Amino acid sequence: MALLAWDVAARLPAFALQGPRVLLEWIRPALVHPPPRGKAPAVVLLHGILRGRASMALLARDFRRAGCMVLNWGYPSTKKGIREHAKDLARRLEEFLPPGRGLVLVGHSMGGLVARALLEVSPGLSLERIVQIGTPNQGALKAALLRETRLFRRTLGTKAGWELASGPGCLARTLPVPPPGLVHVVAGAKGNGKGWSPLLPGEDDGTVELSATALEGAAREVVSVLHAFLPWDRRVRRKVLNAALG
């Protein structure tokens, strides 16, 4: 508990600075993006663990304004494992995705791992792009450090939350690595070489170390935003739209 309190206290100034700017995004207009060439893809938004559809609501608004068919998928993030969530998503896509329509997956944090797991479950999917936002593709060190604590088990559980941890048996490293060029990563970092979390080495977004977001063959952009605020930040959303729609 002392480690967690130290970590939270270190991030409070950043929350105080970034929070008001992000809250303003809820009353600002949606982003304007040129319509994609040809038929607009169907876009599926995947929130992270302990989050819900509201965390992806601004992106849903942006993509709809760009003319995309959007599914902002809500799922019980702590109740099942990552591969189980991918199987549930595959069943939902059978109802949602029209024949012949291209698909773009946009996942925040663990949602980006569910997107990779979907490739294993539905290898024949007509997938145009995966855009990950702060996804721990190499596993999350903070989850590894804290998952034995009672608080972690009560909040993140022992299924998907447990699977987020880096180290031996890391699930993220066993998921399919998409072909080069298919994945685009938008990650957060403080920009001073040290990051916001005192528990993590090097750069981080307060929750996930920057090095953990890397994925072979994937392009990556970095924005100075805390992990929790990534899918709401206007700069991040602009990069996500550009990556998803060109």
Protein backbone atom coordinates (compact mmCIF):
# COMPACT_ATOMS: atom_id res chain seq x y z
CA MET A 1 0.00 0.00 0.00
CA ALA A 2 2.88 2.37 0.71
CA LEU A 3 4.26 1.82 -2.80
CA LEU A 4 0.86 2.54 -4.34
CA ALA A 5 0.36 5.69 -2.24
CA TRP A 6 3.80 6.95 -3.31
CA ASP A 7 2.96 6.29 -6.94
CA VAL A 8 -0.42 8.07 -6.76
CA ALA A 9 1.05 11.08 -4.95
CA ALA A 10 3.73 11.46 -7.64
CA ARG A 11 1.07 11.69 -10.37
CA LEU A 12 -1.35 14.06 -8.63
CA PRO A 13 0.21 17.30 -10.01
CA ALA A 14 -0.08 15.95 -13.56
CA PHE A 15 -3.71 14.99 -12.99
CA ALA A 16 -4.42 18.50 -11.71
CA LEU A 17 -2.80 20.08 -14.77
CA GLN A 18 -4.20 17.79 -17.46
CA GLY A 19 -7.63 17.10 -16.00
CA PRO A 20 -9.29 20.49 -16.73
CA ARG A 21 -8.02 20.51 -20.33
CA VAL A 22 -9.43 17.05 -20.94
CA LEU A 23 -12.78 17.89 -19.34
CA LEU A 24 -13.19 20.74 -21.83
CA GLU A 25 -13.13 18.20 -24.64
CA TRP A 26 -16.61 17.05 -23.63
CA ILE A 27 -18.09 20.41 -24.63
CA ARG A 28 -15.88 21.10 -27.65
CA PRO A 29 -17.00 20.03 -31.15
CA ALA A 30 -15.90 16.69 -32.56
CA LEU A 31 -12.75 16.61 -34.65
CA VAL A 32 -13.12 17.18 -38.38
CA HIS A 33 -11.41 14.65 -40.62
CA PRO A 34 -11.64 14.34 -44.41
CA PRO A 35 -13.88 11.42 -45.47
CA PRO A 36 -11.78 8.33 -46.21
CA ARG A 37 -11.29 7.32 -49.83
CA GLY A 38 -13.81 4.75 -50.93
CA LYS A 39 -16.19 3.18 -48.46
CA ALA A 40 -15.56 4.25 -44.86
CA PRO A 41 -14.46 1.33 -42.66
CA ALA A 42 -16.42 0.06 -39.72
CA VAL A 43 -14.66 1.13 -36.53
CA VAL A 44 -14.75 -0.84 -33.27
CA LEU A 45 -13.59 0.91 -30.09
CA LEU A 46 -12.22 -1.21 -27.23
CA HIS A 47 -11.85 0.39 -23.82
CA GLY A 48 -9.26 -0.63 -21.26
CA ILE A 49 -9.58 -2.50 -17.98
CA LEU A 50 -11.79 -0.88 -15.33
CA ARG A 51 -13.05 1.52 -18.00
CA GLY A 52 -16.27 1.61 -19.98
CA ARG A 53 -17.81 2.95 -23.16
CA ALA A 54 -17.63 6.53 -21.84
CA SER A 55 -13.84 6.39 -22.00
CA MET A 56 -14.08 5.98 -25.81
CA ALA A 57 -17.10 8.22 -26.34
CA LEU A 58 -15.16 11.19 -27.76
CA LEU A 59 -13.43 8.97 -30.29
CA ALA A 60 -16.80 7.45 -31.21
CA ARG A 61 -18.10 10.96 -31.92
CA ASP A 62 -15.02 11.81 -34.00
CA PHE A 63 -15.29 8.68 -36.15
CA ARG A 64 -19.02 9.10 -36.70
CA ARG A 65 -18.42 12.66 -37.86
CA ALA A 66 -15.90 11.25 -40.37
CA GLY A 67 -18.68 9.05 -41.79
CA CYS A 68 -17.70 5.75 -40.17
CA MET A 69 -19.99 3.08 -38.82
CA VAL A 70 -18.95 2.80 -35.16
CA LEU A 71 -19.32 0.17 -32.47
CA ASN A 72 -18.23 1.44 -29.06
CA TRP A 73 -18.07 -1.98 -27.46
CA GLY A 74 -18.58 -2.33 -23.72
CA TYR A 75 -17.44 -5.51 -22.03
CA PRO A 76 -16.89 -6.73 -18.43
CA SER A 77 -13.13 -6.15 -18.52
CA THR A 78 -12.20 -7.79 -15.20
CA LYS A 79 -14.54 -10.78 -15.39
CA LYS A 80 -12.81 -12.79 -18.14
CA GLY A 81 -9.39 -13.31 -19.67
CA ILE A 82 -8.16 -11.37 -22.69
CA ARG A 83 -8.63 -14.27 -25.11
CA GLU A 84 -12.17 -14.81 -23.78
CA HIS A 85 -12.96 -11.15 -24.44
CA ALA A 86 -11.67 -11.61 -27.99
CA LYS A 87 -14.04 -14.56 -28.51
CA ASP A 88 -16.95 -12.44 -27.27
CA LEU A 89 -15.91 -9.66 -29.64
CA ALA A 90 -15.77 -12.08 -32.57
CA ARG A 91 -19.36 -13.11 -31.89
CA ARG A 92 -20.45 -9.46 -31.65
CA LEU A 93 -18.74 -8.68 -34.96
CA GLU A 94 -20.80 -11.35 -36.69
CA GLU A 95 -23.84 -9.17 -35.92
CA PHE A 96 -22.24 -5.77 -36.42
CA LEU A 97 -19.94 -6.02 -39.44
CA PRO A 98 -21.64 -5.83 -42.86
CA PRO A 99 -20.29 -8.16 -45.58
CA GLY A 100 -17.40 -6.64 -47.49
CA ARG A 101 -16.88 -3.77 -45.07
CA GLY A 102 -13.31 -3.15 -43.92
CA LEU A 103 -12.66 -3.08 -40.18
CA VAL A 104 -10.54 -0.82 -37.98
CA LEU A 105 -9.94 -1.71 -34.32
CA VAL A 106 -9.01 1.05 -31.87
CA GLY A 107 -8.02 -0.16 -28.41
CA HIS A 108 -7.00 1.78 -25.32
CA SER A 109 -4.61 -0.02 -22.98
CA MET A 110 -5.85 -3.61 -22.56
CA GLY A 111 -8.27 -3.03 -25.44
CA GLY A 112 -5.28 -3.08 -27.77
CA LEU A 113 -4.39 -6.57 -26.51
CA VAL A 114 -7.97 -7.74 -27.09
CA ALA A 115 -7.53 -6.50 -30.68
CA ARG A 116 -4.38 -8.62 -31.08
CA ALA A 117 -6.12 -11.63 -29.54
CA LEU A 118 -8.93 -11.25 -32.08
CA LEU A 119 -6.43 -12.06 -34.84
CA GLU A 120 -5.97 -15.45 -33.18
CA VAL A 121 -9.71 -16.03 -32.82
CA SER A 122 -10.76 -14.73 -36.26
CA PRO A 123 -7.73 -15.03 -38.57
CA GLY A 124 -9.83 -14.44 -41.71
CA LEU A 125 -11.14 -11.06 -40.59
CA SER A 126 -10.99 -8.23 -43.16
CA LEU A 127 -8.91 -6.01 -40.92
CA GLU A 128 -7.55 -2.75 -42.32
CA ARG A 129 -5.82 -1.30 -39.27
CA ILE A 130 -5.32 -1.67 -35.53
CA VAL A 131 -4.66 1.53 -33.61
CA GLN A 132 -3.44 1.02 -30.05
CA ILE A 133 -3.50 3.74 -27.40
CA GLY A 134 -1.09 3.16 -24.51
CA THR A 135 -1.24 -0.63 -24.92
CA PRO A 136 1.28 -2.74 -22.94
CA ASN A 137 2.36 -4.98 -25.82
CA GLN A 138 5.24 -6.33 -23.73
CA GLY A 139 3.21 -6.59 -20.53
CA ALA A 140 2.92 -4.00 -17.77
CA LEU A 141 5.55 -3.86 -15.05
CA LYS A 142 3.24 -2.05 -12.64
CA ALA A 143 0.75 -4.93 -12.87
CA ALA A 144 3.59 -7.36 -12.13
CA LEU A 145 4.65 -5.32 -9.09
CA LEU A 146 1.16 -4.93 -7.64
CA ARG A 147 -0.84 -7.98 -8.65
CA GLU A 148 -0.13 -9.87 -5.42
CA THR A 149 -1.71 -7.09 -3.35
CA ARG A 150 -5.24 -7.34 -2.01
CA LEU A 151 -6.25 -4.04 -3.61
CA PHE A 152 -5.17 -5.23 -7.06
CA ARG A 153 -7.13 -8.44 -6.76
CA ARG A 154 -10.24 -6.63 -5.56
CA THR A 155 -10.18 -4.07 -8.36
CA LEU A 156 -8.51 -5.65 -11.40
CA GLY A 157 -9.26 -9.25 -10.47
CA THR A 158 -7.26 -12.38 -11.25
CA LYS A 159 -8.20 -12.88 -14.89
CA ALA A 160 -7.50 -10.14 -17.47
CA GLY A 161 -5.91 -7.95 -14.81
CA TRP A 162 -3.51 -10.74 -13.87
CA GLU A 163 -2.70 -11.32 -17.54
CA LEU A 164 -1.51 -7.74 -18.01
CA ALA A 165 1.62 -8.32 -15.95
CA SER A 166 5.03 -8.49 -17.58
CA GLY A 167 7.62 -11.12 -16.70
CA PRO A 168 7.58 -14.93 -17.00
CA GLY A 169 4.46 -16.20 -18.73
CA CYS A 170 3.49 -12.74 -19.94
CA LEU A 171 0.33 -13.20 -22.01
CA ALA A 172 0.88 -10.09 -24.16
CA ARG A 173 4.03 -11.64 -25.62
CA THR A 174 2.15 -14.77 -26.68
CA LEU A 175 -0.52 -12.94 -28.71
CA PRO A 176 -0.24 -12.69 -32.50
CA VAL A 177 2.02 -9.95 -33.83
CA PRO A 178 0.20 -8.42 -36.82
CA PRO A 179 1.99 -7.97 -40.16
CA PRO A 180 4.22 -4.87 -40.45
CA GLY A 181 2.24 -1.73 -41.15
CA LEU A 182 -1.06 -3.03 -39.79
CA VAL A 183 -0.63 -1.57 -36.28
CA HIS A 184 -0.12 2.04 -35.27
CA VAL A 185 0.68 2.85 -31.64
CA VAL A 186 -0.04 6.14 -29.88
CA ALA A 187 1.68 6.14 -26.48
CA GLY A 188 1.99 8.51 -23.56
CA ALA A 189 5.20 9.72 -21.89
CA LYS A 190 6.22 12.66 -19.75
CA GLY A 191 9.08 13.57 -22.06
CA ASN A 192 11.81 14.03 -19.48
CA GLY A 193 13.32 10.55 -19.70
CA LYS A 194 11.97 9.60 -16.27
CA GLY A 195 8.19 9.44 -16.63
CA TRP A 196 5.44 10.14 -14.11
CA SER A 197 5.53 6.92 -12.07
CA PRO A 198 8.35 6.37 -9.55
CA LEU A 199 7.70 2.62 -9.81
CA LEU A 200 8.63 2.39 -13.48
CA PRO A 201 12.04 2.71 -15.15
CA GLY A 202 12.55 5.29 -17.88
CA GLU A 203 9.66 6.99 -19.66
CA ASP A 204 6.06 6.13 -18.87
CA ASP A 205 2.51 7.51 -18.98
CA GLY A 206 2.00 7.00 -15.25
CA THR A 207 0.68 3.47 -15.74
CA VAL A 208 2.53 1.79 -18.64
CA GLU A 209 6.24 2.18 -19.37
CA LEU A 210 6.92 3.53 -22.85
CA SER A 211 9.16 0.59 -23.74
CA ALA A 212 6.26 -1.81 -23.13
CA THR A 213 4.12 -0.19 -25.84
CA ALA A 214 6.55 -1.18 -28.62
CA LEU A 215 5.49 -3.85 -31.10
CA GLU A 216 7.52 -5.28 -33.95
CA GLY A 217 6.56 -3.72 -37.27
CA ALA A 218 4.35 -1.05 -35.70
CA ALA A 219 4.80 2.71 -36.10
CA ARG A 220 4.62 4.68 -32.85
CA GLU A 221 3.87 8.28 -31.89
CA VAL A 222 4.30 9.69 -28.40
CA VAL A 223 2.26 12.41 -26.68
CA SER A 224 2.82 13.90 -23.23
CA VAL A 225 -0.44 12.69 -21.65
CA LEU A 226 -1.26 10.51 -18.66
CA HIS A 227 -2.54 7.01 -19.38
CA ALA A 228 -6.04 7.68 -18.07
CA PHE A 229 -6.52 10.72 -20.30
CA LEU A 230 -5.09 9.32 -23.55
CA PRO A 231 -8.39 8.46 -25.31
CA TRP A 232 -9.87 11.88 -24.44
CA ASP A 233 -6.93 14.10 -25.33
CA ARG A 234 -7.48 16.04 -28.56
CA ARG A 235 -3.93 15.53 -29.83
CA VAL A 236 -4.16 11.79 -29.28
CA ARG A 237 -7.54 11.57 -30.97
CA ARG A 238 -6.21 13.45 -34.00
CA LYS A 239 -3.35 10.96 -34.32
CA VAL A 240 -5.76 8.05 -33.94
CA LEU A 241 -8.01 9.40 -36.71
CA ASN A 242 -5.06 10.00 -39.02
CA ALA A 243 -3.70 6.51 -38.40
CA ALA A 244 -7.07 4.82 -38.83
CA LEU A 245 -8.38 6.71 -41.85
CA GLY A 246 -5.24 8.09 -43.53
